[in-house]
Amino acid sequence: VQPALPFWLATTRDPETFEQAGKMGAGVLTAMLRLTLPELQERITVYRKAREAAGFDPDTGEVTLMLHTFVGPDMDYVRQQVTSPLRDYLRSHMLHTQNVSAGSVRTGGENTLNKKDEEALLDFAFERYFNEASLLGTPESCLSRVKQFAEAGVTEIGCLVDFGIAPEATLESIKQIAALKQLSGKVLAGT
């Protein structure tokens, strides 16, 4: 039995929410949506300082980073498995964001992206996620990202595996995620 139930505040860009989580003694649940690694690190610093100012141990608060995750035996296999599902996921997110920012569902008009621009934006977003803002790769290739996120102050990674990859491939990937976790534990224990 725990004396208090741990809880997290979900946020991405808003430094004030990171600060509020720190003041409350909550953990932070965040993602790399529209955030760079330096921006994430800045927000985690705000969180740690707010925890300390509120009388909490600044080092004990959990910072959970949600990352799209698919770990496989080689990069060609991973790219083959994730390209279409992740692009579809990003397209859906992009359309949702456009609709929310417009205040209603858009059905066309001057502010709507044409197909060529949409594809270019999806190409950019996919490459960013694939190369910087996810755990997509082999256990060894993902290890450097795990280290970068840990150095930025992330204490836990939430692996998002539900972005449209076939169930069989996802289940196989979970074995590779376990290998990454083991490898990460060995490397991060030494840092």
C-alpha atoms as a PDB file:
ATOM      1  CA  VAL A   1       0.000   0.000   0.000  1.00  0.00           C
ATOM      2  CA  GLN A   2       1.357   3.372  -0.995  1.00  0.00           C
ATOM      3  CA  PRO A   3       0.818   6.404   1.253  1.00  0.00           C
ATOM      4  CA  ALA A   4       0.091   8.509  -1.847  1.00  0.00           C
ATOM      5  CA  LEU A   5      -0.838   7.620  -5.387  1.00  0.00           C
ATOM      6  CA  PRO A   6       1.689   8.932  -7.919  1.00  0.00           C
ATOM      7  CA  PHE A   7       0.243  11.036 -10.711  1.00  0.00           C
ATOM      8  CA  TRP A   8       1.466  12.783 -13.855  1.00  0.00           C
ATOM      9  CA  LEU A   9       0.475  15.907 -15.758  1.00  0.00           C
ATOM     10  CA  ALA A  10       0.502  15.547 -19.542  1.00  0.00           C
ATOM     11  CA  THR A  11       2.120  18.370 -21.490  1.00  0.00           C
ATOM     12  CA  THR A  12       4.302  18.972 -24.509  1.00  0.00           C
ATOM     13  CA  ARG A  13       5.290  22.566 -25.221  1.00  0.00           C
ATOM     14  CA  ASP A  14       3.968  24.627 -22.328  1.00  0.00           C
ATOM     15  CA  PRO A  15       6.744  25.405 -19.795  1.00  0.00           C
ATOM     16  CA  GLU A  16       4.103  26.578 -17.314  1.00  0.00           C
ATOM     17  CA  THR A  17       2.600  23.082 -17.181  1.00  0.00           C
ATOM     18  CA  PHE A  18       6.040  21.597 -16.491  1.00  0.00           C
ATOM     19  CA  GLU A  19       6.390  24.152 -13.691  1.00  0.00           C
ATOM     20  CA  GLN A  20       2.916  23.385 -12.337  1.00  0.00           C
ATOM     21  CA  ALA A  21       3.703  19.654 -12.275  1.00  0.00           C
ATOM     22  CA  GLY A  22       6.834  20.398 -10.271  1.00  0.00           C
ATOM     23  CA  LYS A  23       4.952  22.587  -7.781  1.00  0.00           C
ATOM     24  CA  MET A  24       2.348  19.852  -7.287  1.00  0.00           C
ATOM     25  CA  GLY A  25       4.887  17.065  -6.861  1.00  0.00           C
ATOM     26  CA  ALA A  26       3.487  15.327  -9.922  1.00  0.00           C
ATOM     27  CA  GLY A  27       5.369  13.529 -12.632  1.00  0.00           C
ATOM     28  CA  VAL A  28       5.395  14.792 -16.209  1.00  0.00           C
ATOM     29  CA  LEU A  29       4.089  12.824 -19.179  1.00  0.00           C
ATOM     30  CA  THR A  30       5.386  14.382 -22.375  1.00  0.00           C
ATOM     31  CA  ALA A  31       6.208  13.726 -26.020  1.00  0.00           C
ATOM     32  CA  MET A  32       8.449  15.112 -28.727  1.00  0.00           C
ATOM     33  CA  LEU A  33       5.553  16.756 -30.585  1.00  0.00           C
ATOM     34  CA  ARG A  34       6.878  20.089 -31.833  1.00  0.00           C
ATOM     35  CA  LEU A  35       9.754  19.919 -29.311  1.00  0.00           C
ATOM     36  CA  THR A  36      13.469  19.707 -29.919  1.00  0.00           C
ATOM     37  CA  LEU A  37      15.750  17.912 -27.505  1.00  0.00           C
ATOM     38  CA  PRO A  38      17.191  21.205 -26.155  1.00  0.00           C
ATOM     39  CA  GLU A  39      13.643  22.530 -25.607  1.00  0.00           C
ATOM     40  CA  LEU A  40      12.712  19.343 -23.771  1.00  0.00           C
ATOM     41  CA  GLN A  41      15.793  19.685 -21.575  1.00  0.00           C
ATOM     42  CA  GLU A  42      14.884  23.325 -20.783  1.00  0.00           C
ATOM     43  CA  ARG A  43      11.375  22.290 -19.726  1.00  0.00           C
ATOM     44  CA  ILE A  44      12.700  19.491 -17.549  1.00  0.00           C
ATOM     45  CA  THR A  45      14.996  22.017 -15.844  1.00  0.00           C
ATOM     46  CA  VAL A  46      11.960  24.224 -15.170  1.00  0.00           C
ATOM     47  CA  TYR A  47      10.193  21.164 -13.709  1.00  0.00           C
ATOM     48  CA  ARG A  48      13.116  20.224 -11.436  1.00  0.00           C
ATOM     49  CA  LYS A  49      13.517  23.803 -10.151  1.00  0.00           C
ATOM     50  CA  ALA A  50       9.781  24.038  -9.409  1.00  0.00           C
ATOM     51  CA  ARG A  51       9.892  20.737  -7.488  1.00  0.00           C
ATOM     52  CA  GLU A  52      12.760  22.020  -5.382  1.00  0.00           C
ATOM     53  CA  ALA A  53      11.106  25.400  -4.742  1.00  0.00           C
ATOM     54  CA  ALA A  54       7.946  23.585  -3.576  1.00  0.00           C
ATOM     55  CA  GLY A  55       9.903  21.448  -1.105  1.00  0.00           C
ATOM     56  CA  PHE A  56      10.059  18.237  -3.157  1.00  0.00           C
ATOM     57  CA  ASP A  57      13.247  16.365  -3.916  1.00  0.00           C
ATOM     58  CA  PRO A  58      14.031  17.651  -7.421  1.00  0.00           C
ATOM     59  CA  ASP A  59      15.655  14.368  -8.406  1.00  0.00           C
ATOM     60  CA  THR A  60      12.722  12.080  -7.583  1.00  0.00           C
ATOM     61  CA  GLY A  61      10.077  13.383  -9.976  1.00  0.00           C
ATOM     62  CA  GLU A  62       9.358  11.120 -12.943  1.00  0.00           C
ATOM     63  CA  VAL A  63       9.660  12.552 -16.446  1.00  0.00           C
ATOM     64  CA  THR A  64       8.037  10.031 -18.765  1.00  0.00           C
ATOM     65  CA  LEU A  65       8.650  10.573 -22.460  1.00  0.00           C
ATOM     66  CA  MET A  66       6.255   8.867 -24.878  1.00  0.00           C
ATOM     67  CA  LEU A  67       8.014   7.754 -28.051  1.00  0.00           C
ATOM     68  CA  HIS A  68       6.821   5.891 -31.118  1.00  0.00           C
ATOM     69  CA  THR A  69       8.755   2.653 -30.848  1.00  0.00           C
ATOM     70  CA  PHE A  70       9.594  -0.180 -33.181  1.00  0.00           C
ATOM     71  CA  VAL A  71      12.851  -2.031 -32.664  1.00  0.00           C
ATOM     72  CA  GLY A  72      13.975  -4.639 -35.146  1.00  0.00           C
ATOM     73  CA  PRO A  73      16.984  -6.671 -36.253  1.00  0.00           C
ATOM     74  CA  ASP A  74      18.204  -4.180 -38.914  1.00  0.00           C
ATOM     75  CA  MET A  75      17.423  -0.683 -40.168  1.00  0.00           C
ATOM     76  CA  ASP A  76      16.089  -1.750 -43.575  1.00  0.00           C
ATOM     77  CA  TYR A  77      13.523  -4.028 -41.904  1.00  0.00           C
ATOM     78  CA  VAL A  78      12.523  -1.303 -39.434  1.00  0.00           C
ATOM     79  CA  ARG A  79      12.098   1.330 -42.150  1.00  0.00           C
ATOM     80  CA  GLN A  80      10.050  -1.115 -44.254  1.00  0.00           C
ATOM     81  CA  GLN A  81       7.748  -1.872 -41.303  1.00  0.00           C
ATOM     82  CA  VAL A  82       7.231   1.670 -40.020  1.00  0.00           C
ATOM     83  CA  THR A  83       7.159   3.944 -43.085  1.00  0.00           C
ATOM     84  CA  SER A  84       3.552   3.527 -44.181  1.00  0.00           C
ATOM     85  CA  PRO A  85       1.961   3.207 -40.711  1.00  0.00           C
ATOM     86  CA  LEU A  86       3.884   6.136 -39.246  1.00  0.00           C
ATOM     87  CA  ARG A  87       3.156   8.352 -42.240  1.00  0.00           C
ATOM     88  CA  ASP A  88      -0.542   7.482 -41.921  1.00  0.00           C
ATOM     89  CA  TYR A  89      -0.409   8.260 -38.201  1.00  0.00           C
ATOM     90  CA  LEU A  90       1.356  11.585 -38.839  1.00  0.00           C
ATOM     91  CA  ARG A  91      -1.127  12.456 -41.610  1.00  0.00           C
ATOM     92  CA  SER A  92      -4.012  11.828 -39.225  1.00  0.00           C
ATOM     93  CA  HIS A  93      -2.352  13.933 -36.520  1.00  0.00           C
ATOM     94  CA  MET A  94      -1.622  16.723 -38.990  1.00  0.00           C
ATOM     95  CA  LEU A  95      -5.221  16.805 -40.232  1.00  0.00           C
ATOM     96  CA  HIS A  96      -6.534  16.736 -36.672  1.00  0.00           C
ATOM     97  CA  THR A  97      -4.249  19.622 -35.696  1.00  0.00           C
ATOM     98  CA  GLN A  98      -5.360  21.639 -38.728  1.00  0.00           C
ATOM     99  CA  ASN A  99      -9.007  21.044 -37.872  1.00  0.00           C
ATOM    100  CA  VAL A 100      -8.594  21.931 -34.198  1.00  0.00           C
ATOM    101  CA  SER A 101      -6.619  25.081 -34.968  1.00  0.00           C
ATOM    102  CA  ALA A 102      -9.274  26.120 -37.487  1.00  0.00           C
ATOM    103  CA  GLY A 103     -12.006  25.650 -34.903  1.00  0.00           C
ATOM    104  CA  SER A 104     -13.960  23.294 -37.112  1.00  0.00           C
ATOM    105  CA  VAL A 105     -13.528  20.563 -39.665  1.00  0.00           C
ATOM    106  CA  ARG A 106     -12.012  21.913 -42.856  1.00  0.00           C
ATOM    107  CA  THR A 107     -13.328  20.613 -46.119  1.00  0.00           C
ATOM    108  CA  GLY A 108     -11.173  22.740 -48.397  1.00  0.00           C
ATOM    109  CA  GLY A 109     -10.303  26.326 -49.004  1.00  0.00           C
ATOM    110  CA  GLU A 110      -7.278  28.545 -49.217  1.00  0.00           C
ATOM    111  CA  ASN A 111      -5.698  27.437 -45.901  1.00  0.00           C
ATOM    112  CA  THR A 112      -5.775  23.735 -46.760  1.00  0.00           C
ATOM    113  CA  LEU A 113      -2.548  22.070 -47.884  1.00  0.00           C
ATOM    114  CA  ASN A 114      -2.429  20.778 -51.428  1.00  0.00           C
ATOM    115  CA  LYS A 115      -1.342  17.152 -51.928  1.00  0.00           C
ATOM    116  CA  LYS A 116       2.207  18.058 -52.946  1.00  0.00           C
ATOM    117  CA  ASP A 117       2.742  20.266 -49.876  1.00  0.00           C
ATOM    118  CA  GLU A 118       1.101  17.674 -47.624  1.00  0.00           C
ATOM    119  CA  GLU A 119       3.442  14.949 -48.915  1.00  0.00           C
ATOM    120  CA  ALA A 120       6.487  17.200 -48.469  1.00  0.00           C
ATOM    121  CA  LEU A 121       5.434  17.977 -44.903  1.00  0.00           C
ATOM    122  CA  LEU A 122       4.855  14.277 -44.209  1.00  0.00           C
ATOM    123  CA  ASP A 123       8.285  13.425 -45.624  1.00  0.00           C
ATOM    124  CA  PHE A 124       9.873  15.985 -43.305  1.00  0.00           C
ATOM    125  CA  ALA A 125       7.867  14.847 -40.274  1.00  0.00           C
ATOM    126  CA  PHE A 126       8.590  11.180 -40.931  1.00  0.00           C
ATOM    127  CA  GLU A 127      12.343  11.747 -41.228  1.00  0.00           C
ATOM    128  CA  ARG A 128      12.359  13.864 -38.065  1.00  0.00           C
ATOM    129  CA  TYR A 129      10.539  11.182 -36.109  1.00  0.00           C
ATOM    130  CA  PHE A 130      12.557   8.360 -37.616  1.00  0.00           C
ATOM    131  CA  ASN A 131      15.915  10.013 -36.952  1.00  0.00           C
ATOM    132  CA  GLU A 132      15.372  12.108 -33.820  1.00  0.00           C
ATOM    133  CA  ALA A 133      12.079  11.824 -31.984  1.00  0.00           C
ATOM    134  CA  SER A 134      11.368   8.111 -31.637  1.00  0.00           C
ATOM    135  CA  LEU A 135      12.830   4.738 -30.889  1.00  0.00           C
ATOM    136  CA  LEU A 136      12.784   3.331 -34.410  1.00  0.00           C
ATOM    137  CA  GLY A 137      15.768   1.171 -35.217  1.00  0.00           C
ATOM    138  CA  THR A 138      17.872  -1.629 -33.798  1.00  0.00           C
ATOM    139  CA  PRO A 139      18.655  -1.969 -30.090  1.00  0.00           C
ATOM    140  CA  GLU A 140      22.108  -0.569 -30.797  1.00  0.00           C
ATOM    141  CA  SER A 141      20.948   2.361 -32.936  1.00  0.00           C
ATOM    142  CA  CYS A 142      18.245   3.325 -30.417  1.00  0.00           C
ATOM    143  CA  LEU A 143      20.704   3.258 -27.519  1.00  0.00           C
ATOM    144  CA  SER A 144      22.234   6.627 -28.431  1.00  0.00           C
ATOM    145  CA  ARG A 145      18.756   8.233 -28.355  1.00  0.00           C
ATOM    146  CA  VAL A 146      18.005   6.652 -24.995  1.00  0.00           C
ATOM    147  CA  LYS A 147      21.252   8.165 -23.696  1.00  0.00           C
ATOM    148  CA  GLN A 148      20.392  11.592 -25.140  1.00  0.00           C
ATOM    149  CA  PHE A 149      16.956  11.559 -23.537  1.00  0.00           C
ATOM    150  CA  ALA A 150      18.415  10.424 -20.198  1.00  0.00           C
ATOM    151  CA  GLU A 151      21.022  13.212 -20.329  1.00  0.00           C
ATOM    152  CA  ALA A 152      18.179  15.685 -20.980  1.00  0.00           C
ATOM    153  CA  GLY A 153      16.499  14.533 -17.755  1.00  0.00           C
ATOM    154  CA  VAL A 154      14.031  11.906 -18.956  1.00  0.00           C
ATOM    155  CA  THR A 155      13.651   9.190 -16.302  1.00  0.00           C
ATOM    156  CA  GLU A 156      11.285   6.846 -18.111  1.00  0.00           C
ATOM    157  CA  ILE A 157      10.293   6.099 -21.700  1.00  0.00           C
ATOM    158  CA  GLY A 158       6.763   5.075 -22.611  1.00  0.00           C
ATOM    159  CA  CYS A 159       6.936   3.028 -25.798  1.00  0.00           C
ATOM    160  CA  LEU A 160       4.046   3.775 -28.157  1.00  0.00           C
ATOM    161  CA  VAL A 161       3.706   0.674 -30.297  1.00  0.00           C
ATOM    162  CA  ASP A 162       0.110   1.212 -31.467  1.00  0.00           C
ATOM    163  CA  PHE A 163       0.576   3.309 -34.592  1.00  0.00           C
ATOM    164  CA  GLY A 164      -0.556   0.753 -37.157  1.00  0.00           C
ATOM    165  CA  ILE A 165       2.168  -1.850 -37.503  1.00  0.00           C
ATOM    166  CA  ALA A 166       0.998  -5.439 -38.022  1.00  0.00           C
ATOM    167  CA  PRO A 167       0.434  -7.266 -34.703  1.00  0.00           C
ATOM    168  CA  GLU A 168       2.945 -10.044 -35.494  1.00  0.00           C
ATOM    169  CA  ALA A 169       5.713  -7.544 -36.253  1.00  0.00           C
ATOM    170  CA  THR A 170       4.815  -5.535 -33.151  1.00  0.00           C
ATOM    171  CA  LEU A 171       5.062  -8.625 -30.932  1.00  0.00           C
ATOM    172  CA  GLU A 172       8.486  -9.440 -32.411  1.00  0.00           C
ATOM    173  CA  SER A 173       9.532  -5.848 -31.818  1.00  0.00           C
ATOM    174  CA  ILE A 174       8.697  -6.156 -28.130  1.00  0.00           C
ATOM    175  CA  LYS A 175      11.462  -8.758 -27.836  1.00  0.00           C
ATOM    176  CA  GLN A 176      13.872  -6.265 -29.378  1.00  0.00           C
ATOM    177  CA  ILE A 177      12.603  -3.535 -27.029  1.00  0.00           C
ATOM    178  CA  ALA A 178      13.494  -5.860 -24.142  1.00  0.00           C
ATOM    179  CA  ALA A 179      17.011  -6.176 -25.583  1.00  0.00           C
ATOM    180  CA  LEU A 180      17.230  -2.364 -25.805  1.00  0.00           C
ATOM    181  CA  LYS A 181      16.068  -2.058 -22.201  1.00  0.00           C
ATOM    182  CA  GLN A 182      18.733  -4.492 -21.049  1.00  0.00           C
ATOM    183  CA  LEU A 183      21.420  -2.747 -23.096  1.00  0.00           C
ATOM    184  CA  SER A 184      20.293   0.664 -21.820  1.00  0.00           C
ATOM    185  CA  GLY A 185      20.395  -0.499 -18.216  1.00  0.00           C
ATOM    186  CA  LYS A 186      23.987  -1.625 -18.593  1.00  0.00           C
ATOM    187  CA  VAL A 187      25.138   1.534 -20.337  1.00  0.00           C
ATOM    188  CA  LEU A 188      23.193   4.057 -18.236  1.00  0.00           C
ATOM    189  CA  ALA A 189      24.272   2.413 -14.963  1.00  0.00           C
ATOM    190  CA  GLY A 190      27.835   3.274 -15.910  1.00  0.00           C
ATOM    191  CA  THR A 191      27.143   6.966 -16.592  1.00  0.00           C
END
